[in-house]
């Protein structure tokens, strides 16, 4: 014989179990979303740090250009791709930014005193290069 009270109690327990499973599922989705948000925040913070470091490195080399001979010949003597000023700066870039060995920085000195500095880097785990380009005019 079936007792009516036992069947009703089993239904209530089954509904409570279903509610608990749904609550755990919703909590898991929330925790997963929070972890993804944290990962994105860390990645964006690193990207901002690299951009800031690149800007400081470019500012430093431009400041070095202003402190010496500012003619085209003088700038080329110090910052051509094989010159000591460029090589020292390139070493600082390599020590500060990841991935610069694959795509080294470039400095182009124009005849009218226009200087273009290009800096490339690739963050760890990132598939593409980032770049920062600064164009300025340095004259006597």
N, C-alpha and C. Protein backbone atom coordinates (compact mmCIF):
# COMPACT_ATOMS: atom_id res chain seq x y z
N UNK A 1 0.81 -1.17 0.00
CA UNK A 1 0.00 0.00 0.00
C UNK A 1 0.86 1.25 0.00
N UNK A 2 0.45 2.16 -0.80
CA UNK A 2 1.14 3.44 -0.86
C UNK A 2 0.53 4.40 0.14
N UNK A 3 1.45 5.06 0.84
CA UNK A 3 0.94 6.08 1.75
C UNK A 3 1.06 7.42 1.06
N UNK A 4 0.04 8.25 1.07
CA UNK A 4 0.07 9.53 0.37
C UNK A 4 1.12 10.47 0.91
N UNK A 5 1.45 10.44 2.15
CA UNK A 5 2.44 11.36 2.74
C UNK A 5 3.85 11.09 2.26
N UNK A 6 4.21 9.83 2.06
CA UNK A 6 5.57 9.47 1.62
C UNK A 6 5.84 9.95 0.20
N UNK A 7 4.90 9.83 -0.68
CA UNK A 7 5.06 10.27 -2.06
C UNK A 7 5.25 11.80 -2.12
N UNK A 8 4.52 12.52 -1.33
CA UNK A 8 4.62 13.99 -1.29
C UNK A 8 5.98 14.42 -0.74
N UNK A 9 6.46 13.71 0.30
CA UNK A 9 7.77 14.05 0.89
C UNK A 9 8.90 13.81 -0.12
N UNK A 10 8.86 12.75 -0.90
CA UNK A 10 9.88 12.47 -1.91
C UNK A 10 9.87 13.54 -3.00
N UNK A 11 8.72 14.03 -3.34
CA UNK A 11 8.63 15.11 -4.33
C UNK A 11 9.27 16.39 -3.81
N UNK A 12 9.04 16.70 -2.55
CA UNK A 12 9.62 17.91 -1.95
C UNK A 12 11.14 17.78 -1.89
N UNK A 13 11.64 16.61 -1.51
CA UNK A 13 13.09 16.39 -1.46
C UNK A 13 13.70 16.48 -2.86
N UNK A 14 13.01 15.98 -3.85
CA UNK A 14 13.49 16.07 -5.24
C UNK A 14 13.54 17.50 -5.72
N UNK A 15 12.56 18.30 -5.36
CA UNK A 15 12.55 19.71 -5.73
C UNK A 15 13.66 20.47 -5.03
N UNK A 16 13.92 20.15 -3.77
CA UNK A 16 15.00 20.80 -3.02
C UNK A 16 16.35 20.46 -3.64
N UNK A 17 16.51 19.20 -4.04
CA UNK A 17 17.75 18.78 -4.70
C UNK A 17 17.95 19.53 -6.02
N UNK A 18 16.88 19.67 -6.80
CA UNK A 18 16.95 20.40 -8.06
C UNK A 18 17.29 21.87 -7.81
N UNK A 19 16.70 22.47 -6.80
CA UNK A 19 17.02 23.87 -6.46
C UNK A 19 18.48 24.02 -6.04
N UNK A 20 19.00 23.05 -5.29
CA UNK A 20 20.40 23.10 -4.86
C UNK A 20 21.34 22.99 -6.06
N UNK A 21 21.01 22.12 -7.00
CA UNK A 21 21.85 21.97 -8.20
C UNK A 21 21.84 23.25 -9.03
N UNK A 22 20.67 23.86 -9.17
CA UNK A 22 20.58 25.12 -9.92
C UNK A 22 21.35 26.22 -9.21
N UNK A 23 21.30 26.28 -7.88
CA UNK A 23 22.04 27.29 -7.12
C UNK A 23 23.54 27.10 -7.29
N UNK A 24 23.99 25.86 -7.25
CA UNK A 24 25.42 25.59 -7.45
C UNK A 24 25.84 25.98 -8.86
N UNK A 25 25.01 25.71 -9.84
CA UNK A 25 25.31 26.08 -11.22
C UNK A 25 25.42 27.60 -11.37
N UNK A 26 24.47 28.33 -10.81
CA UNK A 26 24.53 29.79 -10.89
C UNK A 26 25.75 30.35 -10.17
N UNK A 27 26.08 29.79 -9.02
CA UNK A 27 27.26 30.23 -8.28
C UNK A 27 28.53 29.97 -9.10
N UNK A 28 28.59 28.80 -9.75
CA UNK A 28 29.76 28.46 -10.58
C UNK A 28 29.91 29.42 -11.75
N UNK A 29 28.81 29.77 -12.38
CA UNK A 29 28.85 30.73 -13.48
C UNK A 29 29.35 32.08 -12.97
N UNK A 30 28.89 32.50 -11.81
CA UNK A 30 29.34 33.77 -11.24
C UNK A 30 30.83 33.77 -10.91
N UNK A 31 31.31 32.69 -10.32
CA UNK A 31 32.74 32.59 -9.98
C UNK A 31 33.57 32.56 -11.26
N UNK A 32 33.13 31.83 -12.27
CA UNK A 32 33.85 31.78 -13.54
C UNK A 32 33.92 33.16 -14.18
N UNK A 33 32.83 33.89 -14.16
CA UNK A 33 32.83 35.25 -14.69
C UNK A 33 33.77 36.16 -13.94
N UNK A 34 33.81 36.04 -12.62
CA UNK A 34 34.72 36.87 -11.82
C UNK A 34 36.18 36.54 -12.14
N UNK A 35 36.49 35.26 -12.32
CA UNK A 35 37.86 34.87 -12.65
C UNK A 35 38.26 35.37 -14.04
N UNK A 36 37.35 35.31 -15.00
CA UNK A 36 37.64 35.84 -16.33
C UNK A 36 37.86 37.34 -16.28
N UNK A 37 37.07 38.04 -15.49
CA UNK A 37 37.23 39.48 -15.33
C UNK A 37 38.58 39.81 -14.69
N UNK A 38 38.99 39.03 -13.71
CA UNK A 38 40.28 39.24 -13.07
C UNK A 38 41.42 39.01 -14.06
N UNK A 39 41.32 37.96 -14.86
CA UNK A 39 42.36 37.69 -15.87
C UNK A 39 42.46 38.81 -16.88
N UNK A 40 41.33 39.34 -17.31
CA UNK A 40 41.34 40.46 -18.26
C UNK A 40 41.95 41.70 -17.63
N UNK A 41 41.64 41.96 -16.37
CA UNK A 41 42.20 43.13 -15.68
C UNK A 41 43.71 43.02 -15.56
N UNK A 42 44.21 41.84 -15.25
CA UNK A 42 45.66 41.65 -15.14
C UNK A 42 46.33 41.85 -16.49
N UNK A 43 45.74 41.31 -17.56
CA UNK A 43 46.31 41.44 -18.90
C UNK A 43 46.33 42.91 -19.34
N UNK A 44 45.24 43.63 -19.10
CA UNK A 44 45.18 45.04 -19.50
C UNK A 44 46.14 45.89 -18.67
N UNK A 45 46.33 45.53 -17.41
CA UNK A 45 47.28 46.26 -16.58
C UNK A 45 48.70 46.07 -17.10
N UNK A 46 49.03 44.85 -17.51
CA UNK A 46 50.35 44.59 -18.09
C UNK A 46 50.53 45.36 -19.39
N UNK A 47 49.50 45.40 -20.22
CA UNK A 47 49.59 46.14 -21.48
C UNK A 47 49.82 47.62 -21.23
N UNK A 48 49.14 48.18 -20.25
CA UNK A 48 49.33 49.60 -19.92
C UNK A 48 50.75 49.84 -19.38
N UNK A 49 51.25 48.90 -18.61
CA UNK A 49 52.61 49.04 -18.10
C UNK A 49 53.62 49.03 -19.24
N UNK A 50 53.45 48.15 -20.20
CA UNK A 50 54.37 48.10 -21.34
C UNK A 50 54.28 49.37 -22.19
N UNK A 51 53.08 49.89 -22.40
CA UNK A 51 52.93 51.14 -23.15
C UNK A 51 53.61 52.30 -22.44
N UNK A 52 53.45 52.36 -21.13
CA UNK A 52 54.11 53.42 -20.36
C UNK A 52 55.62 53.30 -20.40
N UNK A 53 56.11 52.08 -20.29
CA UNK A 53 57.56 51.85 -20.36
C UNK A 53 58.09 52.23 -21.74
N UNK A 54 57.36 51.89 -22.80
CA UNK A 54 57.78 52.25 -24.16
C UNK A 54 57.83 53.76 -24.32
N UNK A 55 56.84 54.46 -23.80
CA UNK A 55 56.83 55.93 -23.90
C UNK A 55 58.02 56.53 -23.16
N UNK A 56 58.34 56.01 -22.00
CA UNK A 56 59.49 56.54 -21.25
C UNK A 56 60.80 56.27 -21.98
N UNK A 57 60.93 55.10 -22.61
CA UNK A 57 62.16 54.79 -23.35
C UNK A 57 62.32 55.71 -24.56
N UNK A 58 61.23 55.99 -25.26
CA UNK A 58 61.31 56.90 -26.40
C UNK A 58 61.62 58.32 -25.93
N UNK A 59 61.00 58.75 -24.85
CA UNK A 59 61.31 60.08 -24.30
C UNK A 59 62.77 60.18 -23.90
N UNK A 60 63.33 59.10 -23.35
CA UNK A 60 64.73 59.11 -22.93
C UNK A 60 65.67 59.28 -24.12
N UNK A 61 65.40 58.56 -25.23
CA UNK A 61 66.30 58.68 -26.38
C UNK A 61 66.16 60.05 -27.03
N UNK A 62 64.96 60.61 -27.05
CA UNK A 62 64.79 61.95 -27.61
C UNK A 62 65.49 62.99 -26.73
N UNK A 63 65.44 62.81 -25.42
CA UNK A 63 66.16 63.71 -24.52
C UNK A 63 67.67 63.62 -24.76
N UNK A 64 68.16 62.40 -25.00
CA UNK A 64 69.59 62.24 -25.33
C UNK A 64 69.94 62.95 -26.62
N UNK A 65 69.03 62.95 -27.57
CA UNK A 65 69.29 63.65 -28.84
C UNK A 65 69.40 65.15 -28.62
N UNK A 66 68.58 65.69 -27.74
CA UNK A 66 68.60 67.13 -27.48
C UNK A 66 69.84 67.57 -26.71
N UNK A 67 70.48 66.66 -25.97
CA UNK A 67 71.62 67.07 -25.13
C UNK A 67 72.94 67.10 -25.88
N UNK A 68 72.99 66.60 -27.09
CA UNK A 68 74.24 66.58 -27.84
C UNK A 68 74.14 67.39 -29.10
N UNK A 69 74.99 67.07 -30.03
CA UNK A 69 74.99 67.71 -31.35
C UNK A 69 73.66 67.42 -32.03
N UNK A 70 72.94 68.49 -32.42
CA UNK A 70 71.59 68.32 -32.95
C UNK A 70 71.50 68.43 -34.47
N UNK A 71 72.61 68.54 -35.15
CA UNK A 71 72.56 68.55 -36.61
C UNK A 71 72.27 67.12 -37.10
N UNK A 72 71.90 67.02 -38.36
CA UNK A 72 71.61 65.70 -38.90
C UNK A 72 72.85 64.80 -38.82
N UNK A 73 74.00 65.35 -39.15
CA UNK A 73 75.23 64.55 -39.10
C UNK A 73 75.53 64.11 -37.66
N UNK A 74 75.33 65.01 -36.71
CA UNK A 74 75.58 64.67 -35.32
C UNK A 74 74.61 63.60 -34.80
N UNK A 75 73.35 63.74 -35.17
CA UNK A 75 72.36 62.74 -34.75
C UNK A 75 72.64 61.38 -35.38
N UNK A 76 73.00 61.38 -36.66
CA UNK A 76 73.31 60.12 -37.32
C UNK A 76 74.56 59.47 -36.73
N UNK A 77 75.54 60.31 -36.34
CA UNK A 77 76.76 59.77 -35.75
C UNK A 77 76.47 59.07 -34.42
N UNK A 78 75.48 59.56 -33.68
CA UNK A 78 75.18 58.97 -32.38
C UNK A 78 74.04 57.96 -32.40
N UNK A 79 73.09 58.09 -33.36
CA UNK A 79 71.90 57.26 -33.30
C UNK A 79 71.60 56.48 -34.58
N UNK A 80 72.58 56.31 -35.44
CA UNK A 80 72.42 55.41 -36.58
C UNK A 80 72.34 53.98 -36.03
N UNK A 81 71.91 53.05 -36.85
CA UNK A 81 71.63 51.69 -36.35
C UNK A 81 72.85 50.96 -35.79
N UNK A 82 74.06 51.43 -36.09
CA UNK A 82 75.26 50.80 -35.54
C UNK A 82 76.02 51.71 -34.58
N UNK A 83 75.50 52.89 -34.31
CA UNK A 83 76.19 53.85 -33.44
C UNK A 83 76.04 53.46 -31.97
N UNK A 84 76.97 53.96 -31.16
CA UNK A 84 76.99 53.57 -29.74
C UNK A 84 75.76 54.08 -28.98
N UNK A 85 75.30 55.29 -29.29
CA UNK A 85 74.11 55.82 -28.61
C UNK A 85 72.88 54.96 -28.87
N UNK A 86 72.73 54.55 -30.11
CA UNK A 86 71.60 53.69 -30.46
C UNK A 86 71.74 52.33 -29.80
N UNK A 87 72.93 51.76 -29.83
CA UNK A 87 73.14 50.43 -29.26
C UNK A 87 72.88 50.42 -27.75
N UNK A 88 73.32 51.47 -27.05
CA UNK A 88 73.05 51.56 -25.61
C UNK A 88 71.55 51.64 -25.33
N UNK A 89 70.86 52.46 -26.12
CA UNK A 89 69.41 52.60 -25.95
C UNK A 89 68.70 51.29 -26.29
N UNK A 90 69.17 50.63 -27.34
CA UNK A 90 68.57 49.36 -27.75
C UNK A 90 68.71 48.32 -26.64
N UNK A 91 69.85 48.33 -25.94
CA UNK A 91 70.04 47.40 -24.82
C UNK A 91 69.07 47.71 -23.68
N UNK A 92 68.84 49.00 -23.41
CA UNK A 92 67.86 49.37 -22.37
C UNK A 92 66.45 48.93 -22.78
N UNK A 93 66.14 49.06 -24.06
CA UNK A 93 64.82 48.63 -24.55
C UNK A 93 64.67 47.12 -24.37
N UNK A 94 65.70 46.37 -24.74
CA UNK A 94 65.65 44.91 -24.63
C UNK A 94 65.51 44.46 -23.18
N UNK A 95 66.10 45.21 -22.25
CA UNK A 95 65.99 44.86 -20.83
C UNK A 95 64.63 45.23 -20.25
N UNK A 96 63.92 46.16 -20.89
CA UNK A 96 62.67 46.66 -20.32
C UNK A 96 61.41 46.09 -20.95
N UNK A 97 61.47 45.74 -22.22
CA UNK A 97 60.26 45.30 -22.93
C UNK A 97 60.46 43.90 -23.50
N UNK A 98 59.44 43.05 -23.44
CA UNK A 98 59.57 41.69 -23.98
C UNK A 98 59.40 41.66 -25.49
N UNK A 99 60.07 40.73 -26.13
CA UNK A 99 59.88 40.50 -27.56
C UNK A 99 60.58 41.48 -28.47
N UNK A 100 61.47 42.32 -27.94
CA UNK A 100 62.12 43.31 -28.79
C UNK A 100 63.28 42.72 -29.60
N UNK A 101 63.74 41.55 -29.24
CA UNK A 101 64.83 40.93 -30.01
C UNK A 101 64.34 40.52 -31.40
N UNK A 102 63.06 40.13 -31.50
CA UNK A 102 62.52 39.70 -32.78
C UNK A 102 62.27 40.86 -33.73
N UNK A 103 61.92 42.01 -33.18
CA UNK A 103 61.64 43.19 -33.99
C UNK A 103 62.26 44.39 -33.28
N UNK A 104 63.53 44.71 -33.59
CA UNK A 104 64.24 45.75 -32.86
C UNK A 104 63.69 47.16 -33.14
N UNK A 105 63.98 48.10 -32.24
CA UNK A 105 63.52 49.48 -32.44
C UNK A 105 64.24 50.13 -33.62
N UNK A 106 63.64 51.21 -34.11
CA UNK A 106 64.20 51.93 -35.25
C UNK A 106 64.22 53.42 -34.95
N UNK A 107 65.29 54.08 -35.40
CA UNK A 107 65.38 55.54 -35.34
C UNK A 107 65.73 56.03 -36.73
N UNK A 108 64.91 56.93 -37.27
CA UNK A 108 65.13 57.49 -38.59
C UNK A 108 65.32 59.00 -38.44
N UNK A 109 66.47 59.51 -38.91
CA UNK A 109 66.77 60.94 -38.83
C UNK A 109 66.63 61.52 -40.23
N UNK A 110 65.68 62.46 -40.39
CA UNK A 110 65.46 63.09 -41.67
C UNK A 110 66.36 64.30 -41.89
N UNK A 111 66.44 64.75 -43.12
CA UNK A 111 67.30 65.88 -43.47
C UNK A 111 66.83 67.18 -42.84
N UNK A 112 65.53 67.31 -42.60
CA UNK A 112 64.99 68.55 -42.04
C UNK A 112 64.96 68.55 -40.51
N UNK A 113 65.61 67.57 -39.88
CA UNK A 113 65.63 67.49 -38.42
C UNK A 113 64.49 66.67 -37.85
N UNK A 114 63.68 66.08 -38.71
CA UNK A 114 62.59 65.24 -38.24
C UNK A 114 63.15 63.88 -37.82
N UNK A 115 62.81 63.47 -36.61
CA UNK A 115 63.27 62.20 -36.08
C UNK A 115 62.05 61.32 -35.81
N UNK A 116 62.08 60.12 -36.35
CA UNK A 116 61.01 59.15 -36.12
C UNK A 116 61.57 57.99 -35.32
N UNK A 117 60.97 57.73 -34.17
CA UNK A 117 61.40 56.63 -33.31
C UNK A 117 60.26 55.62 -33.27
N UNK A 118 60.59 54.37 -33.63
CA UNK A 118 59.60 53.29 -33.63
C UNK A 118 60.06 52.22 -32.64
N UNK A 119 59.14 51.84 -31.78
CA UNK A 119 59.45 50.84 -30.77
C UNK A 119 58.39 49.75 -30.83
N UNK A 120 58.83 48.49 -30.87
CA UNK A 120 57.93 47.34 -30.97
C UNK A 120 58.15 46.43 -29.76
N UNK A 121 57.09 45.78 -29.32
CA UNK A 121 57.20 44.78 -28.27
C UNK A 121 56.05 43.80 -28.40
N UNK A 122 56.27 42.64 -27.83
CA UNK A 122 55.23 41.60 -27.81
C UNK A 122 55.13 41.08 -26.39
N UNK A 123 53.95 41.24 -25.80
CA UNK A 123 53.73 40.78 -24.43
C UNK A 123 53.74 39.26 -24.38
N UNK A 124 54.14 38.69 -23.25
CA UNK A 124 54.12 37.22 -23.13
C UNK A 124 52.72 36.67 -23.37
N UNK A 125 52.62 35.67 -24.20
CA UNK A 125 51.34 35.05 -24.52
C UNK A 125 50.53 35.80 -25.56
N UNK A 126 51.08 36.90 -26.07
CA UNK A 126 50.37 37.69 -27.08
C UNK A 126 50.90 37.30 -28.45
N UNK A 127 50.01 37.18 -29.41
CA UNK A 127 50.42 36.73 -30.74
C UNK A 127 50.93 37.83 -31.65
N UNK A 128 50.60 39.06 -31.37
CA UNK A 128 50.98 40.14 -32.28
C UNK A 128 51.85 41.17 -31.58
N UNK A 129 52.56 41.94 -32.40
CA UNK A 129 53.41 43.00 -31.86
C UNK A 129 52.59 44.26 -31.61
N UNK A 130 53.00 44.99 -30.60
CA UNK A 130 52.45 46.32 -30.34
C UNK A 130 53.54 47.31 -30.75
N UNK A 131 53.14 48.52 -31.08
CA UNK A 131 54.15 49.51 -31.47
C UNK A 131 53.79 50.87 -30.92
N UNK A 132 54.82 51.66 -30.74
CA UNK A 132 54.66 53.06 -30.38
C UNK A 132 55.59 53.84 -31.30
N UNK A 133 55.04 54.81 -32.00
CA UNK A 133 55.81 55.62 -32.95
C UNK A 133 55.72 57.07 -32.50
N UNK A 134 56.88 57.72 -32.42
CA UNK A 134 56.93 59.13 -32.07
C UNK A 134 57.71 59.87 -33.14
N UNK A 135 57.16 60.98 -33.58
CA UNK A 135 57.82 61.82 -34.58
C UNK A 135 58.02 63.18 -33.93
N UNK A 136 59.25 63.66 -33.99
CA UNK A 136 59.57 64.98 -33.43
C UNK A 136 60.58 65.67 -34.34
N UNK A 137 60.75 66.96 -34.12
CA UNK A 137 61.71 67.71 -34.91
C UNK A 137 62.77 68.25 -33.94
N UNK A 138 64.03 67.92 -34.27
CA UNK A 138 65.15 68.39 -33.45
C UNK A 138 66.02 69.26 -34.32
N UNK A 139 66.21 70.50 -33.86
CA UNK A 139 67.02 71.46 -34.62
C UNK A 139 68.02 72.13 -33.71
N UNK A 140 69.02 72.70 -34.37
CA UNK A 140 70.01 73.52 -33.62
C UNK A 140 69.40 74.80 -33.16
